[in-house]
Amino acid sequence: MQQIIDFIIRKKDVVVYLILLIFSLTLVFNSNYFHKSKVLIFSNSIANYSTENFNYLKEYFELKKINSNLLEENLFLKNQLEKINKNISLDSLTNINFSYKNAKVISNNLSSFKNRLVINKGIKDGLKNEMGVINSDGIIGIVNYTSKNYSSIMSILNIETKINAKIKKTSHFGTLEWDGLSTKYLKLNDIPETAKIKIGDSIVTGGMSLIFPEGIKIGVVSKISKHENQVTSYSVRSGNNDAFKYESRENYLNIKVKLNTDMSNLNNVYIIESLNREEFQKVKK
């Protein structure tokens, strides 16, 4: 400590000069909007340059992992093509045509109940609302807003997102949604208690809305519990105008699904466009 004090005493002229210089510059920048704006522009440019280079450096060190994921995805796609070649006679309902576009995630939020992502593709790239978004591990979300160069994705970690999903083994359909708690789990609703499922069973997309193709992996069942009875009322009127009312009591399961996708680590994604979705919607109406 004494050495530091001795050093300051020896260099007191320099120290006083630096203090006065900093004080003077602060007064100039705070009292002059022109100088202040120049400093802000300069500091922002340095910050942006540093952030950009840091991201490049981060991507460089993640190349090995990205390449490994690409190899796994290529193997999966080759297997899918092999299955299609062996099943040429698929009917028109299961042989729905989809097109894919690649994009990069440039913003990802996990801190709210209505999380969204931003990708670097927009209207000029052919993107529209209600296109599905996936990566090599599973589903990511649904496009809900597009500009010329960017698009907003309503994440599966959004309490307003509802995904049609099914249990791969039994083909029981349900609705997949997030309860706002853990970013690693979703819940699957509307599965009856009679469904013979167990922990570890695969959950995949149902394909009923044509936002996602059928069979895209989502996750696995991690917990099963019984739900309270759900009562549905029916009214029936006979030919003599006498009305009868009865109730149907059904038991449903609470199913907790562990996601395949790590939503906190997203880079490259695929945008899915259903080529027959508009026709499907017209017929459905």
Protein backbone atom coordinates (compact mmCIF):
# COMPACT_ATOMS: atom_id res chain seq x y z
CA MET A 1 0.00 0.00 0.00
CA GLN A 2 2.84 2.38 0.86
CA GLN A 3 4.40 1.73 -2.57
CA ILE A 4 1.15 2.75 -4.27
CA ILE A 5 0.99 5.96 -2.25
CA ASP A 6 4.64 6.72 -3.07
CA PHE A 7 3.95 6.12 -6.76
CA ILE A 8 0.97 8.52 -6.74
CA ILE A 9 3.06 11.18 -4.99
CA ARG A 10 5.86 10.81 -7.57
CA LYS A 11 3.39 11.01 -10.45
CA LYS A 12 1.06 13.55 -8.91
CA ASP A 13 1.34 15.92 -11.87
CA VAL A 14 0.24 13.20 -14.31
CA VAL A 15 -2.58 12.08 -12.02
CA VAL A 16 -3.89 15.63 -11.62
CA TYR A 17 -3.67 16.15 -15.38
CA LEU A 18 -5.69 12.98 -16.11
CA ILE A 19 -8.34 13.89 -13.55
CA LEU A 20 -8.74 17.38 -15.00
CA LEU A 21 -8.79 15.99 -18.56
CA ILE A 22 -11.53 13.50 -17.76
CA PHE A 23 -13.53 16.17 -15.92
CA SER A 24 -13.21 18.57 -18.86
CA LEU A 25 -14.24 15.99 -21.44
CA THR A 26 -17.25 15.04 -19.32
CA LEU A 27 -18.39 18.66 -19.20
CA VAL A 28 -17.94 19.06 -22.97
CA PHE A 29 -19.88 15.90 -23.86
CA ASN A 30 -22.70 16.58 -21.42
CA SER A 31 -23.21 20.16 -22.54
CA ASN A 32 -22.80 19.65 -26.31
CA TYR A 33 -25.23 17.33 -28.11
CA PHE A 34 -23.02 17.09 -31.20
CA HIS A 35 -20.01 15.80 -29.29
CA LYS A 36 -22.22 13.56 -27.18
CA SER A 37 -23.79 11.97 -30.27
CA LYS A 38 -20.38 11.38 -31.83
CA VAL A 39 -19.17 9.62 -28.68
CA LEU A 40 -22.31 7.48 -28.54
CA ILE A 41 -21.96 6.48 -32.19
CA PHE A 42 -18.30 5.63 -31.69
CA SER A 43 -18.96 3.59 -28.52
CA ASN A 44 -21.89 1.75 -30.15
CA SER A 45 -19.80 0.89 -33.19
CA ILE A 46 -17.07 -0.52 -30.93
CA ALA A 47 -19.66 -2.52 -28.96
CA ASN A 48 -21.28 -3.89 -32.13
CA TYR A 49 -17.90 -4.78 -33.61
CA SER A 50 -16.86 -6.55 -30.41
CA THR A 51 -20.17 -8.44 -30.18
CA GLU A 52 -19.99 -9.51 -33.81
CA ASN A 53 -16.43 -10.80 -33.47
CA PHE A 54 -17.31 -12.53 -30.21
CA ASN A 55 -20.19 -14.33 -31.96
CA TYR A 56 -17.87 -15.38 -34.80
CA LEU A 57 -15.40 -16.71 -32.24
CA LYS A 58 -18.17 -18.57 -30.41
CA GLU A 59 -19.42 -20.10 -33.66
CA TYR A 60 -15.88 -21.18 -34.54
CA PHE A 61 -15.50 -23.13 -31.30
CA GLU A 62 -18.95 -24.70 -31.84
CA LEU A 63 -18.15 -25.92 -35.37
CA LYS A 64 -17.34 -29.43 -34.17
CA LYS A 65 -20.71 -29.76 -32.44
CA ILE A 66 -22.57 -28.25 -35.41
CA ASN A 67 -20.86 -30.65 -37.82
CA SER A 68 -21.77 -33.57 -35.59
CA ASN A 69 -25.42 -32.47 -35.56
CA LEU A 70 -25.38 -32.12 -39.35
CA LEU A 71 -24.02 -35.63 -39.76
CA GLU A 72 -26.77 -37.01 -37.52
CA GLU A 73 -29.41 -35.05 -39.42
CA ASN A 74 -28.10 -36.24 -42.80
CA LEU A 75 -28.24 -39.82 -41.56
CA PHE A 76 -31.82 -39.31 -40.37
CA LEU A 77 -32.85 -37.77 -43.72
CA LYS A 78 -31.25 -40.60 -45.65
CA ASN A 79 -33.21 -43.10 -43.56
CA GLN A 80 -36.43 -41.16 -44.22
CA LEU A 81 -35.76 -41.15 -47.97
CA GLU A 82 -35.16 -44.88 -47.82
CA LYS A 83 -38.52 -45.39 -46.12
CA ILE A 84 -40.27 -43.25 -48.75
CA ASN A 85 -38.65 -45.20 -51.58
CA LYS A 86 -39.95 -48.41 -50.02
CA ASN A 87 -43.47 -46.98 -49.67
CA ILE A 88 -44.18 -45.41 -53.03
CA SER A 89 -47.86 -46.32 -52.78
CA LEU A 90 -48.66 -43.93 -49.91
CA ASP A 91 -52.13 -42.37 -50.28
CA SER A 92 -52.64 -38.64 -50.83
CA LEU A 93 -53.50 -37.98 -47.17
CA THR A 94 -50.17 -39.20 -45.80
CA ASN A 95 -48.11 -38.11 -48.78
CA ILE A 96 -48.46 -34.36 -48.10
CA ASN A 97 -45.93 -32.19 -49.89
CA PHE A 98 -43.83 -29.81 -47.81
CA SER A 99 -40.98 -27.50 -48.74
CA TYR A 100 -38.15 -26.48 -46.42
CA LYS A 101 -36.08 -23.32 -46.03
CA ASN A 102 -33.10 -22.85 -43.74
CA ALA A 103 -32.65 -19.86 -41.45
CA LYS A 104 -30.53 -18.71 -38.53
CA VAL A 105 -31.73 -17.68 -35.07
CA ILE A 106 -30.51 -14.17 -34.22
CA SER A 107 -32.59 -13.59 -31.08
CA ASN A 108 -34.00 -16.02 -28.52
CA ASN A 109 -35.97 -15.14 -25.39
CA LEU A 110 -36.59 -17.58 -22.52
CA SER A 111 -37.43 -15.16 -19.71
CA SER A 112 -41.19 -14.63 -20.13
CA PHE A 113 -44.41 -16.61 -20.44
CA LYS A 114 -44.74 -15.63 -24.12
CA ASN A 115 -41.30 -16.35 -25.50
CA ARG A 116 -40.41 -15.56 -29.09
CA LEU A 117 -37.46 -15.99 -31.43
CA VAL A 118 -36.27 -13.90 -34.38
CA ILE A 119 -34.72 -15.43 -37.51
CA ASN A 120 -32.87 -13.83 -40.44
CA LYS A 121 -35.43 -14.69 -43.13
CA GLY A 122 -38.60 -12.82 -44.04
CA ILE A 123 -41.14 -12.03 -46.75
CA LYS A 124 -38.50 -11.70 -49.48
CA ASP A 125 -37.49 -15.30 -48.73
CA GLY A 126 -41.06 -16.55 -49.09
CA LEU A 127 -41.92 -16.80 -45.39
CA LYS A 128 -45.51 -16.38 -44.20
CA ASN A 129 -47.43 -16.64 -40.95
CA GLU A 130 -48.28 -20.09 -39.55
CA MET A 131 -45.25 -21.85 -40.99
CA GLY A 132 -43.72 -24.47 -38.72
CA VAL A 133 -40.15 -24.15 -37.46
CA ILE A 134 -37.96 -27.13 -36.52
CA ASN A 135 -34.31 -28.09 -36.14
CA SER A 136 -32.51 -31.42 -36.27
CA ASP A 137 -33.71 -32.28 -32.73
CA GLY A 138 -37.42 -31.44 -33.03
CA ILE A 139 -39.98 -28.63 -33.17
CA ILE A 140 -39.14 -25.00 -32.29
CA GLY A 141 -42.32 -22.99 -32.86
CA ILE A 142 -44.59 -21.29 -35.41
CA VAL A 143 -44.02 -18.14 -37.51
CA ASN A 144 -46.39 -15.42 -36.27
CA TYR A 145 -45.00 -12.22 -37.83
CA THR A 146 -42.90 -11.46 -40.90
CA SER A 147 -41.14 -8.35 -42.20
CA LYS A 148 -39.07 -7.97 -45.34
CA ASN A 149 -35.88 -9.50 -43.90
CA TYR A 150 -36.85 -11.02 -40.55
CA SER A 151 -39.53 -13.17 -38.95
CA SER A 152 -40.81 -13.62 -35.41
CA ILE A 153 -41.36 -17.17 -34.16
CA MET A 154 -43.85 -17.99 -31.42
CA SER A 155 -41.78 -20.47 -29.42
CA ILE A 156 -43.15 -23.76 -28.09
CA LEU A 157 -42.18 -22.18 -24.74
CA ASN A 158 -45.10 -19.78 -25.08
CA ILE A 159 -48.28 -20.32 -23.05
CA GLU A 160 -50.36 -19.40 -26.14
CA THR A 161 -48.78 -22.03 -28.40
CA LYS A 162 -50.86 -25.17 -29.00
CA ILE A 163 -49.34 -28.05 -31.00
CA ASN A 164 -51.21 -31.08 -32.30
CA ALA A 165 -49.18 -34.08 -31.13
CA LYS A 166 -49.58 -37.82 -30.72
CA ILE A 167 -48.03 -40.75 -28.91
CA LYS A 168 -46.02 -42.54 -31.56
CA LYS A 169 -46.63 -46.05 -30.23
CA THR A 170 -50.41 -45.85 -29.77
CA SER A 171 -51.34 -42.96 -32.14
CA HIS A 172 -53.47 -41.27 -29.45
CA PHE A 173 -53.79 -37.57 -30.30
CA GLY A 174 -53.64 -34.65 -27.90
CA THR A 175 -52.71 -30.99 -27.51
CA LEU A 176 -49.20 -30.05 -26.50
CA GLU A 177 -48.67 -26.84 -24.52
CA TRP A 178 -46.32 -25.15 -22.05
CA ASP A 179 -47.29 -24.48 -18.44
CA GLY A 180 -44.79 -21.62 -18.02
CA LEU A 181 -42.51 -23.54 -15.64
CA SER A 182 -39.47 -25.49 -16.84
CA THR A 183 -37.99 -24.76 -20.29
CA LYS A 184 -37.26 -28.48 -20.71
CA TYR A 185 -40.79 -29.82 -20.37
CA LEU A 186 -44.22 -29.48 -22.02
CA LYS A 187 -47.52 -31.11 -21.11
CA LEU A 188 -49.72 -33.25 -23.35
CA ASN A 189 -53.47 -32.94 -22.76
CA ASP A 190 -56.59 -34.84 -23.90
CA ILE A 191 -55.04 -38.31 -23.75
CA PRO A 192 -57.58 -40.79 -22.28
CA GLU A 193 -56.72 -42.98 -19.34
CA THR A 194 -57.32 -46.04 -21.52
CA ALA A 195 -54.25 -45.24 -23.62
CA LYS A 196 -51.54 -47.79 -22.93
CA ILE A 197 -48.53 -45.54 -22.57
CA LYS A 198 -45.48 -45.60 -20.39
CA ILE A 199 -42.53 -43.42 -19.46
CA GLY A 200 -40.05 -43.21 -22.32
CA ASP A 201 -42.64 -43.40 -25.12
CA SER A 202 -41.94 -41.02 -28.01
CA ILE A 203 -44.13 -37.99 -28.69
CA VAL A 204 -44.30 -36.75 -32.30
CA THR A 205 -46.31 -34.22 -34.30
CA GLY A 206 -49.82 -35.31 -35.28
CA GLY A 207 -49.94 -33.53 -38.63
CA MET A 208 -53.64 -32.62 -38.40
CA SER A 209 -53.13 -28.87 -38.84
CA LEU A 210 -50.59 -29.23 -41.69
CA ILE A 211 -48.32 -26.72 -39.92
CA PHE A 212 -45.94 -29.58 -39.16
CA PRO A 213 -45.64 -32.83 -41.11
CA GLU A 214 -46.75 -35.90 -39.22
CA GLY A 215 -44.11 -37.75 -37.26
CA ILE A 216 -41.59 -35.02 -36.40
CA LYS A 217 -40.06 -35.88 -33.05
CA ILE A 218 -40.90 -33.68 -30.05
CA GLY A 219 -39.77 -35.51 -26.94
CA VAL A 220 -40.46 -38.44 -24.64
CA VAL A 221 -42.94 -39.10 -21.84
CA SER A 222 -41.25 -38.37 -18.51
CA LYS A 223 -44.20 -38.48 -16.08
CA ILE A 224 -47.77 -39.78 -16.11
CA SER A 225 -50.50 -38.98 -13.60
CA LYS A 226 -54.29 -39.16 -13.50
CA HIS A 227 -56.43 -36.09 -14.13
CA GLU A 228 -59.73 -35.29 -12.47
CA ASN A 229 -62.82 -36.55 -14.27
CA GLN A 230 -63.97 -34.39 -17.16
CA VAL A 231 -67.77 -34.23 -17.54
CA THR A 232 -69.33 -33.60 -20.95
CA SER A 233 -73.09 -32.90 -21.24
CA TYR A 234 -75.20 -33.98 -24.20
CA SER A 235 -78.78 -32.98 -25.12
CA VAL A 236 -80.86 -35.24 -27.37
CA ARG A 237 -84.35 -34.43 -28.67
CA SER A 238 -86.59 -37.27 -29.74
CA GLY A 239 -89.27 -37.26 -32.41
CA ASN A 240 -92.04 -36.27 -29.96
CA ASN A 241 -89.97 -33.23 -28.90
CA ASP A 242 -89.11 -34.74 -25.50
CA ALA A 243 -85.59 -33.63 -24.54
CA PHE A 244 -83.20 -35.98 -22.82
CA LYS A 245 -79.98 -34.89 -21.20
CA TYR A 246 -77.15 -37.16 -20.15
CA GLU A 247 -73.54 -36.80 -19.12
CA SER A 248 -70.42 -38.58 -20.32
CA ARG A 249 -67.68 -38.90 -17.68
CA GLU A 250 -64.19 -39.39 -19.09
CA ASN A 251 -60.82 -39.82 -17.43
CA TYR A 252 -57.77 -38.14 -18.87
CA LEU A 253 -54.07 -38.31 -18.11
CA ASN A 254 -51.60 -35.61 -17.16
CA ILE A 255 -48.56 -36.32 -19.33
CA LYS A 256 -45.27 -34.51 -18.88
CA VAL A 257 -43.09 -34.48 -21.99
CA LYS A 258 -39.34 -33.90 -21.92
CA LEU A 259 -38.24 -31.99 -25.01
CA ASN A 260 -35.60 -33.34 -27.37
CA THR A 261 -34.64 -29.78 -28.30
CA ASP A 262 -32.46 -27.61 -26.09
CA MET A 263 -34.35 -24.33 -26.49
CA SER A 264 -31.51 -22.36 -24.89
CA ASN A 265 -29.05 -23.37 -27.60
CA LEU A 266 -30.52 -22.68 -31.04
CA ASN A 267 -28.54 -21.79 -34.17
CA ASN A 268 -29.77 -23.16 -37.49
CA VAL A 269 -33.47 -23.95 -38.04
CA TYR A 270 -35.73 -25.10 -40.85
CA ILE A 271 -38.92 -23.35 -41.93
CA ILE A 272 -41.68 -25.68 -43.17
CA GLU A 273 -44.22 -24.66 -45.79
CA SER A 274 -47.17 -26.94 -46.51
CA LEU A 275 -47.92 -26.73 -50.22
CA ASN A 276 -51.48 -28.00 -49.67
CA ARG A 277 -52.42 -26.13 -46.49
CA GLU A 278 -54.61 -23.45 -48.13
CA GLU A 279 -56.61 -26.10 -49.96
CA PHE A 280 -56.93 -28.08 -46.72
CA GLN A 281 -58.22 -25.01 -44.84
CA LYS A 282 -60.84 -24.29 -47.52
CA VAL A 283 -62.15 -27.86 -47.41
CA LYS A 284 -62.10 -27.81 -43.59
CA LYS A 285 -64.28 -24.67 -43.50
